[in-house]
Protein backbone atom coordinates (compact mmCIF):
# COMPACT_ATOMS: atom_id res chain seq x y z
CA MET A 1 -174.59 99.93 184.84
CA ASP A 2 -175.12 96.27 185.14
CA ASP A 3 -174.17 93.63 182.45
CA PHE A 4 -177.52 93.41 180.89
CA GLU A 5 -177.22 97.48 180.15
CA VAL A 6 -173.52 96.90 179.06
CA ASP A 7 -174.75 94.38 176.43
CA HIS A 8 -177.49 96.21 175.34
CA VAL A 9 -175.29 99.26 174.60
CA VAL A 10 -172.69 97.02 172.88
CA GLN A 11 -175.48 95.45 170.75
CA ARG A 12 -176.78 98.75 170.04
CA ALA A 13 -173.89 100.18 168.82
CA LEU A 14 -173.18 97.13 166.82
CA ASP A 15 -176.01 97.45 165.01
CA ARG A 16 -175.56 100.78 163.83
CA LEU A 17 -172.20 100.22 162.75
CA THR A 18 -173.73 97.43 160.39
CA LEU A 19 -176.30 99.70 159.50
CA LEU A 20 -173.81 102.19 158.33
CA ALA A 21 -171.64 99.44 156.74
CA GLU A 22 -174.87 98.16 154.86
CA THR A 23 -175.48 101.66 153.57
CA THR A 24 -171.77 102.29 152.27
CA THR A 25 -172.03 99.07 150.08
CA ALA A 26 -175.50 100.42 148.50
CA MET A 27 -174.17 103.67 147.75
CA THR A 28 -171.17 102.15 146.14
CA SER A 29 -172.27 99.09 144.58
CA THR A 30 -173.79 101.22 141.26
CA LEU A 31 -173.20 104.48 139.68
CA ASP A 32 -176.84 105.18 139.46
CA SER A 33 -177.85 107.32 142.63
CA TYR A 34 -181.54 106.58 142.33
CA ALA A 35 -181.15 102.85 142.22
CA ALA A 36 -178.77 103.39 145.53
CA VAL A 37 -180.76 105.49 147.65
CA ARG A 38 -183.79 102.91 147.09
CA ARG A 39 -181.19 100.03 148.53
CA VAL A 40 -180.54 102.21 151.41
CA CYS A 41 -184.25 103.00 152.10
CA ARG A 42 -185.02 99.24 152.25
CA ILE A 43 -181.99 98.62 154.68
CA LEU A 44 -183.15 101.33 157.01
CA VAL A 45 -186.93 99.86 156.96
CA PRO A 46 -187.62 98.24 159.56
CA GLN A 47 -183.95 98.74 161.03
CA LEU A 48 -184.04 102.03 162.09
CA ALA A 49 -187.62 103.40 160.97
CA ASP A 50 -190.99 102.38 160.19
CA TRP A 51 -190.70 104.46 156.69
CA CYS A 52 -188.01 106.27 154.63
CA ALA A 53 -187.81 108.91 152.03
CA VAL A 54 -184.92 110.25 150.01
CA ASP A 55 -185.48 113.80 147.97
CA LEU A 56 -182.68 114.43 145.58
CA LEU A 57 -182.02 117.52 143.16
CA ASP A 58 -181.79 116.47 139.82
CA ASP A 59 -179.30 118.32 137.22
CA ALA A 60 -181.84 121.13 136.37
CA GLY A 61 -182.07 122.01 140.27
CA ARG A 62 -185.90 120.56 140.32
CA LEU A 63 -186.47 118.47 143.55
CA ARG A 64 -187.53 114.90 143.13
CA ARG A 65 -188.64 112.28 145.61
CA VAL A 66 -186.99 109.03 143.94
CA SER A 67 -187.55 106.67 147.02
CA VAL A 68 -190.13 105.88 149.62
CA VAL A 69 -190.28 102.44 151.73
CA HIS A 70 -192.55 101.43 154.33
CA ARG A 71 -192.28 98.70 156.57
CA ASN A 72 -195.94 97.66 155.11
CA PRO A 73 -195.75 98.00 151.71
CA ASP A 74 -199.51 98.01 151.17
CA ILE A 75 -199.82 101.24 152.71
CA LEU A 76 -198.33 103.14 149.79
CA PRO A 77 -200.63 103.72 146.92
CA VAL A 78 -199.61 103.01 143.51
CA GLY A 79 -196.86 104.93 142.30
CA GLY A 80 -195.14 104.90 145.72
CA LEU A 81 -195.45 108.72 146.25
CA THR A 82 -192.40 109.33 144.32
CA GLY A 83 -192.05 112.21 141.65
CA LEU A 84 -191.56 115.54 141.04
CA LEU A 85 -191.87 118.13 144.22
CA PRO A 86 -192.98 121.76 144.43
CA ASP A 87 -190.19 124.29 144.18
CA ILE A 88 -188.25 125.34 147.26
CA PRO A 89 -189.89 128.32 148.50
CA GLU A 90 -187.68 131.40 149.11
CA ASP A 91 -188.52 131.83 152.48
CA PRO A 92 -188.30 128.16 153.99
CA VAL A 93 -190.67 127.37 157.05
CA GLY A 94 -190.96 123.91 156.71
CA PRO A 95 -188.54 120.90 157.93
CA LEU A 96 -188.09 119.89 154.61
CA SER A 97 -187.37 123.15 153.25
CA ARG A 98 -185.10 124.24 156.06
CA ALA A 99 -182.95 120.96 155.56
CA LEU A 100 -182.52 121.90 151.77
CA ILE A 101 -180.92 124.97 152.89
CA GLY A 102 -178.40 122.87 154.73
CA ALA A 103 -180.40 122.67 158.58
CA GLY A 104 -180.11 119.57 160.44
CA PRO A 105 -180.67 117.00 161.25
CA LEU A 106 -184.10 117.98 162.57
CA LEU A 107 -185.88 115.96 165.17
CA LEU A 108 -189.62 116.26 164.86
CA THR A 109 -192.08 114.94 167.44
CA ALA A 110 -196.29 114.73 167.08
CA GLY A 111 -196.15 118.49 168.40
CA ASP A 112 -194.23 119.46 165.47
CA ILE A 113 -196.35 117.88 162.70
CA PRO A 114 -199.40 119.86 162.02
CA SER A 115 -202.28 119.10 159.71
CA PRO A 116 -201.36 119.29 156.02
CA GLY A 117 -203.98 122.16 156.14
CA LYS A 118 -201.83 124.03 158.26
CA ALA A 119 -198.89 123.71 155.63
CA ALA A 120 -196.82 127.21 154.76
CA ASP A 121 -196.37 126.29 151.33
CA PRO A 122 -196.76 123.71 148.60
CA LEU A 123 -193.82 121.68 149.78
CA HIS A 124 -194.64 121.75 152.96
CA ALA A 125 -198.09 120.67 152.25
CA ARG A 126 -196.27 117.62 150.27
CA GLN A 127 -194.34 116.93 153.17
CA LEU A 128 -197.16 117.05 155.73
CA GLU A 129 -199.61 114.74 153.41
CA LEU A 130 -196.67 112.06 153.65
CA PHE A 131 -196.28 112.48 157.36
CA ASP A 132 -200.28 112.20 157.59
CA GLN A 133 -200.52 109.26 155.13
CA LEU A 134 -197.90 107.06 156.89
CA GLY A 135 -198.97 107.73 160.33
CA THR A 136 -196.08 109.45 161.84
CA HIS A 137 -195.55 110.11 165.41
CA THR A 138 -191.70 111.23 165.24
CA ALA A 139 -189.31 111.81 162.39
CA VAL A 140 -185.97 113.04 161.11
CA VAL A 141 -185.42 115.28 158.42
CA ALA A 142 -181.77 115.76 157.54
CA PRO A 143 -179.78 117.39 154.58
CA VAL A 144 -177.99 115.16 151.87
CA ARG A 145 -174.76 117.19 151.69
CA ALA A 146 -171.34 116.82 149.97
CA ARG A 147 -168.87 119.45 148.99
CA ARG A 148 -170.69 122.29 150.86
CA GLN A 149 -173.40 121.44 148.59
CA VAL A 150 -176.73 120.12 149.63
CA LEU A 151 -177.74 117.36 147.05
CA GLY A 152 -181.15 116.34 148.51
CA ALA A 153 -182.78 115.27 152.01
CA LEU A 154 -183.20 112.32 153.97
CA THR A 155 -186.31 111.74 155.78
CA ILE A 156 -187.34 108.77 158.31
CA GLY A 157 -190.31 108.29 160.39
CA ARG A 158 -191.75 105.85 163.29
CA SER A 159 -195.25 105.62 164.05
CA ALA A 160 -196.93 105.43 167.93
CA ASP A 161 -196.63 101.77 168.44
CA ARG A 162 -192.60 102.21 167.94
CA ALA A 163 -190.20 103.74 170.14
CA PRO A 164 -190.20 107.58 169.22
CA LEU A 165 -186.84 108.74 167.79
CA THR A 166 -184.77 110.77 170.08
CA ASP A 167 -181.66 113.27 169.64
CA ASP A 168 -179.69 110.03 170.49
CA ASP A 169 -180.90 108.91 166.87
CA LEU A 170 -179.46 112.41 165.27
CA ALA A 171 -175.96 111.55 164.91
CA VAL A 172 -176.86 107.91 163.16
CA VAL A 173 -178.77 109.72 160.70
CA GLU A 174 -176.28 112.68 160.10
CA ASP A 175 -173.28 109.81 159.40
CA LEU A 176 -176.13 108.00 157.25
CA THR A 177 -176.75 111.14 155.00
CA HIS A 178 -172.71 111.69 154.84
CA ARG A 179 -172.60 108.35 153.33
CA ILE A 180 -175.43 108.94 150.58
CA ALA A 181 -174.23 112.02 149.78
CA LEU A 182 -170.76 110.84 149.09
CA GLY A 183 -172.33 108.23 146.64
CA VAL A 184 -174.98 110.51 145.11
CA ASP A 185 -172.03 113.09 144.73
CA ASN A 186 -169.59 110.52 143.19
CA ALA A 187 -172.39 109.16 140.36
CA ARG A 188 -172.72 113.05 139.57
CA LEU A 189 -169.29 113.26 139.15
CA HIS A 190 -168.85 110.34 137.02
CA ARG A 191 -171.94 111.31 135.17
CA GLU A 192 -170.27 115.00 134.28
CA THR A 193 -166.90 113.13 133.22
CA GLN A 194 -169.05 110.95 130.60
CA HIS A 195 -171.08 113.98 129.32
CA ILE A 196 -167.86 115.72 128.69
CA ALA A 197 -166.45 112.82 127.04
CA GLU A 198 -169.34 112.37 124.84
CA ARG A 199 -169.81 116.08 124.02
CA LEU A 200 -165.82 115.74 123.05
CA GLN A 201 -166.59 112.82 120.77
CA ARG A 202 -169.67 114.17 119.65
CA SER A 203 -167.90 117.25 118.37
CA LEU A 204 -165.28 115.61 116.28
CA LEU A 205 -167.57 113.69 114.50
CA PRO A 206 -167.06 114.91 110.78
CA THR A 207 -169.79 116.28 107.99
CA LEU A 208 -169.79 113.61 105.67
CA PRO A 209 -168.58 114.61 101.75
CA LYS A 210 -171.60 115.22 99.47
CA THR A 211 -169.61 116.02 96.45
CA GLY A 212 -169.55 113.05 93.63
CA PRO A 213 -172.16 110.31 92.97
CA LEU A 214 -171.61 108.47 96.07
CA GLN A 215 -174.21 108.63 98.96
CA MET A 216 -172.90 108.41 102.62
CA ALA A 217 -174.32 108.07 105.99
CA ALA A 218 -173.51 107.86 109.60
CA ARG A 219 -174.64 107.27 113.03
CA TYR A 220 -173.15 107.36 116.54
CA ALA A 221 -175.16 105.96 119.98
CA PRO A 222 -173.28 106.42 123.09
CA ALA A 223 -173.76 103.00 125.26
CA ALA A 224 -177.68 102.68 126.50
CA ALA A 225 -176.86 101.03 129.52
CA THR A 226 -173.66 102.49 131.18
CA ALA A 227 -173.65 105.65 129.45
CA GLU A 228 -170.17 105.32 128.98
CA VAL A 229 -167.82 106.96 126.19
CA GLY A 230 -165.14 105.38 124.65
CA GLY A 231 -163.16 105.90 121.80
CA ASP A 232 -165.21 104.96 119.00
CA TRP A 233 -164.85 106.98 115.65
CA TYR A 234 -165.81 107.18 112.12
CA ASP A 235 -164.29 109.65 109.31
CA SER A 236 -164.57 110.40 105.67
CA PHE A 237 -163.16 112.97 103.30
CA PRO A 238 -162.05 113.48 99.84
CA LEU A 239 -158.46 113.21 98.72
CA PRO A 240 -156.60 115.06 96.05
CA SER A 241 -156.26 112.06 94.00
CA GLY A 242 -160.59 111.78 93.59
CA SER A 243 -160.31 108.66 96.06
CA THR A 244 -162.96 108.88 98.93
CA THR A 245 -161.90 107.64 102.33
CA MET A 246 -163.84 105.73 104.60
CA ILE A 247 -162.48 105.20 108.08
CA MET A 248 -163.59 103.31 111.13
CA GLY A 249 -161.81 102.79 114.57
CA ASP A 250 -161.68 102.07 118.07
CA VAL A 251 -159.51 103.34 120.98
CA THR A 252 -159.40 100.83 124.00
CA GLY A 253 -161.17 102.03 126.88
CA HIS A 254 -164.33 103.99 127.98
CA ASP A 255 -163.42 107.20 129.63
CA LEU A 256 -162.05 110.70 128.66
CA ARG A 257 -158.63 109.80 128.17
CA ALA A 258 -159.82 107.04 125.21
CA ALA A 259 -162.10 109.95 123.77
CA ILE A 260 -159.29 112.56 123.73
CA THR A 261 -156.80 109.36 122.13
CA MET A 262 -159.40 109.10 119.75
CA SER A 263 -159.52 112.69 118.51
CA GLN A 264 -155.72 112.61 118.21
CA LEU A 265 -155.45 109.60 116.01
CA ARG A 266 -158.12 110.66 113.85
CA ASN A 267 -156.27 113.62 113.11
CA MET A 268 -152.82 112.13 112.76
CA LEU A 269 -154.56 109.70 110.10
CA ARG A 270 -156.29 112.58 108.13
CA GLY A 271 -152.98 114.32 108.07
CA ILE A 272 -151.20 111.07 107.00
CA GLY A 273 -153.87 110.34 104.27
CA CYS A 274 -154.20 113.68 102.79
CA ASP A 275 -150.22 114.10 102.63
CA ARG A 276 -149.11 110.43 101.48
CA GLN A 277 -152.09 109.59 99.08
CA GLU A 278 -150.91 105.92 99.65
CA PRO A 279 -152.20 102.58 99.53
CA PRO A 280 -154.38 102.17 102.69
CA GLY A 281 -151.62 99.32 104.13
CA HIS A 282 -148.98 102.03 103.79
CA ILE A 283 -151.09 104.37 105.79
CA LEU A 284 -152.09 102.39 108.43
CA ARG A 285 -148.28 101.46 109.21
CA ARG A 286 -147.27 105.11 109.20
CA LEU A 287 -150.07 105.46 111.73
CA ASP A 288 -149.18 102.60 113.55
CA LEU A 289 -145.41 103.90 113.93
CA ALA A 290 -146.73 107.57 115.32
CA HIS A 291 -149.13 105.73 117.36
CA ASP A 292 -146.29 103.55 119.10
CA ILE A 293 -144.42 106.93 119.53
CA LEU A 294 -147.12 109.19 120.82
CA TYR A 295 -149.18 106.38 122.59
CA PRO A 296 -147.13 103.60 123.62
CA GLN A 297 -149.60 101.85 126.25
CA ALA A 298 -152.55 102.25 124.38
CA THR A 299 -153.98 100.15 121.73
CA ALA A 300 -156.78 100.89 118.99
CA THR A 301 -158.34 99.36 116.26
CA CYS A 302 -158.91 100.85 112.41
CA LEU A 303 -160.36 100.31 109.09
CA TYR A 304 -158.98 102.39 106.55
CA ALA A 305 -160.33 102.30 102.88
CA LEU A 306 -160.53 104.19 99.88
CA LEU A 307 -163.55 104.32 97.21
CA ASP A 308 -162.39 105.04 93.58
CA GLN A 309 -164.23 105.07 90.47
CA ASP A 310 -162.70 102.86 87.46
CA ASP A 311 -162.76 103.86 83.85
CA ASN A 312 -166.09 101.98 83.16
CA ALA A 313 -167.81 104.15 85.84
CA GLY A 314 -167.79 101.21 88.36
CA TRP A 315 -166.50 101.10 92.07
CA THR A 316 -163.95 99.57 93.63
CA ILE A 317 -162.78 99.58 97.78
CA THR A 318 -159.19 99.15 98.37
CA TYR A 319 -158.99 98.62 102.44
CA SER A 320 -156.69 97.93 105.05
CA ASN A 321 -158.08 96.17 108.46
CA ALA A 322 -155.88 96.79 111.75
CA GLY A 323 -158.23 94.66 114.13
CA HIS A 324 -161.51 95.64 113.19
CA PRO A 325 -164.43 93.74 112.81
CA PRO A 326 -164.69 93.46 108.88
CA PRO A 327 -166.72 95.40 106.90
CA LEU A 328 -170.03 94.30 105.39
CA LEU A 329 -171.14 94.61 101.69
CA VAL A 330 -174.67 94.36 100.84
CA THR A 331 -175.71 94.27 97.31
CA ARG A 332 -179.07 95.48 95.98
CA GLU A 333 -180.56 91.92 95.91
CA GLY A 334 -179.78 91.46 99.75
CA ASP A 335 -176.60 89.53 99.09
CA THR A 336 -174.27 89.89 101.70
CA HIS A 337 -170.58 89.03 102.74
CA TYR A 338 -167.69 90.00 105.01
CA LEU A 339 -164.54 91.75 103.54
CA ARG A 340 -161.99 89.84 105.06
CA GLY A 341 -158.69 90.92 103.18
CA GLY A 342 -155.96 93.20 104.32
CA ARG A 343 -156.00 92.44 107.94
CA GLY A 344 -153.55 93.08 110.43
CA LEU A 345 -152.86 93.49 114.57
CA LEU A 346 -154.43 96.01 116.26
CA LEU A 347 -152.58 99.66 116.31
CA GLY A 348 -149.86 99.98 119.26
CA VAL A 349 -149.06 96.09 119.07
CA ASP A 350 -145.92 95.62 116.95
CA PRO A 351 -145.31 98.63 114.52
CA SER A 352 -142.42 96.96 112.63
CA LEU A 353 -144.82 94.51 110.51
CA PRO A 354 -146.12 95.15 107.28
CA ARG A 355 -149.58 95.96 107.01
CA HIS A 356 -151.60 94.67 103.55
CA HIS A 357 -154.56 95.82 101.58
CA ALA A 358 -157.12 93.97 99.47
CA THR A 359 -159.18 95.59 96.97
CA GLU A 360 -162.84 94.49 95.77
CA THR A 361 -165.19 95.44 93.21
CA LEU A 362 -168.56 97.19 94.23
CA PRO A 363 -171.55 96.16 92.35
CA ALA A 364 -173.81 99.22 91.37
CA ARG A 365 -176.20 100.47 94.14
CA SER A 366 -174.59 98.04 96.61
CA THR A 367 -173.71 99.31 100.28
CA VAL A 368 -170.73 98.94 102.20
CA LEU A 369 -171.26 98.87 106.06
CA MET A 370 -168.33 99.85 108.53
CA TYR A 371 -169.31 99.64 112.42
CA THR A 372 -167.79 99.28 115.66
CA ASP A 373 -168.06 95.82 118.17
CA GLY A 374 -170.82 97.30 119.99
CA LEU A 375 -172.96 96.78 117.18
CA ILE A 376 -172.65 93.07 116.95
CA GLU A 377 -171.35 92.03 120.84
CA ARG A 378 -173.43 90.76 123.40
CA ARG A 379 -172.47 89.52 126.63
CA GLY A 380 -172.29 85.57 126.74
CA GLU A 381 -173.03 85.12 123.11
CA ASP A 382 -170.37 84.06 120.26
CA LEU A 383 -169.59 86.93 118.28
CA ASN A 384 -170.08 84.68 114.97
CA HIS A 385 -173.72 84.98 116.23
CA GLY A 386 -173.96 88.71 116.21
CA MET A 387 -172.21 88.63 112.85
CA THR A 388 -174.86 86.37 111.28
CA ARG A 389 -177.58 88.76 113.03
CA LEU A 390 -175.89 91.96 111.00
CA ARG A 391 -175.82 90.32 108.01
CA GLN A 392 -179.75 89.17 108.25
CA HIS A 393 -180.69 92.78 109.21
CA ALA A 394 -178.79 94.59 106.70
CA ALA A 395 -179.74 92.37 103.73
CA ALA A 396 -183.71 93.11 104.88
CA LEU A 397 -182.68 96.73 104.64
CA ALA A 398 -180.55 96.48 101.20
CA ARG A 399 -183.03 98.79 98.89
CA GLU A 400 -184.15 101.19 101.72
CA ASP A 401 -182.44 104.52 101.99
CA LEU A 402 -179.19 105.09 103.89
CA ASP A 403 -180.72 107.04 106.61
CA THR A 404 -183.50 104.47 107.17
CA PHE A 405 -181.01 101.66 106.56
CA CYS A 406 -178.56 103.22 109.76
CA ASP A 407 -181.73 103.90 111.99
CA GLU A 408 -183.28 100.40 111.56
CA LEU A 409 -179.95 98.69 111.78
CA ILE A 410 -179.49 100.25 115.05
CA ALA A 411 -182.91 99.89 116.44
CA GLY A 412 -182.95 96.17 115.49
CA MET A 413 -179.17 95.40 116.89
CA ALA A 414 -178.23 97.77 119.31
CA THR A 415 -181.20 97.63 121.87
CA ASP A 416 -179.97 98.45 125.12
CA HIS A 417 -176.29 98.00 123.96
CA ALA A 418 -173.56 97.92 126.33
CA ASP A 419 -171.12 99.47 124.28
CA ASP A 420 -170.77 102.53 122.08
CA VAL A 421 -172.29 102.38 118.35
CA ALA A 422 -170.62 103.79 115.34
CA LEU A 423 -172.04 103.30 111.78
CA LEU A 424 -170.39 104.66 108.27
CA VAL A 425 -172.33 103.30 105.25
CA ALA A 426 -171.57 104.13 101.23
CA ARG A 427 -173.91 103.20 98.67
CA THR A 428 -172.33 103.25 95.16
CA PRO A 429 -174.81 104.90 92.10
CA LEU A 430 -176.49 103.01 89.53
CA GLN A 431 -173.90 102.40 86.90
CA PRO A 432 -174.41 104.14 83.71
CA LYS A 433 -175.03 101.85 80.53
CA PRO A 434 -172.15 102.16 78.31
CA LEU A 435 -172.56 104.11 74.83
CA THR A 436 -173.19 101.85 71.74
């Protein structure tokens, strides 16, 4: 072997290592498996092939073509040949069907690619149509497989004006599909974990009390952009004393652990509140002491409020705030202001400090809104802007029924929200006229 041949072999090996490294980077740069494989296809074309397609099985077991990339984008029709594919046949004949049961990688030459009219089944026909539309002379179809489970298939093809794919390319394709499979599998595992956390979180959301003249409503929406689930929660229940609690909290973190910690804090607060029936500042201090012993590495915010009817049939709110965004009071006339009293540190910072509470009179038919920071925070924006925007939206909805109030508030404030959003609202009744 002369020096030119050695250089060619070395360069080819370096090119393949670069291809594998770029594929790994693409698959690990996002937890959106569809976006990741589209990036991989753009890397493989034209370095390895004239075109590339990736088919993945979704959570329902349906086969979906998620990406088709060609070196000449004008060849692809509108829609890009992606979408749901026919079911995998019970007796696999075509190369794609065989790959989806674990065979391969399979090298196909011109003699192995019949016309679409000679397809053995609908899935085979779709694959042959793809080969025909993209002018395929040779191709490789390989399973995307992780943990002994086939997740989909990778197909690459070359036209007749380029050197054909050979057996030497099969090892590279197999290594590529291994990297793709790890990325797809990691994304699915992450999604499953988040679904578990969300189901846990939703299972712990309470049924709001319907006794008495107070109206109440609540909403919970997981993060729209990341599908991450954190420790947001709300709660409300009547106390033996006749008070109605309003509670809103947020445990730091966006994972299953945060959701579990949230559930335990919520239950502790319920027990402390019902047993002690003390002012909110005292209740939060007891919760902080327990939190410090049981969860010394975690922090959380919490609002704890009591709604009470006074002797004149009016209403008051007594509340304590452990580092949470302040409640918003909205009158029926649309006047708004934040309840900024009773503030203290987050839970888990210094349980030895005393906690305070504040009391405010609630006008008739006014609305008290508690919320988590996902409603008002925007990346790169000052928090005061979000709080001003919340006042404006809430003022415009002051006379709407509470379900509409909540739905419209989330629609107006939390589009593509990057964090969980929880809302809890209470509306006081019309105050009866005194007897004369």
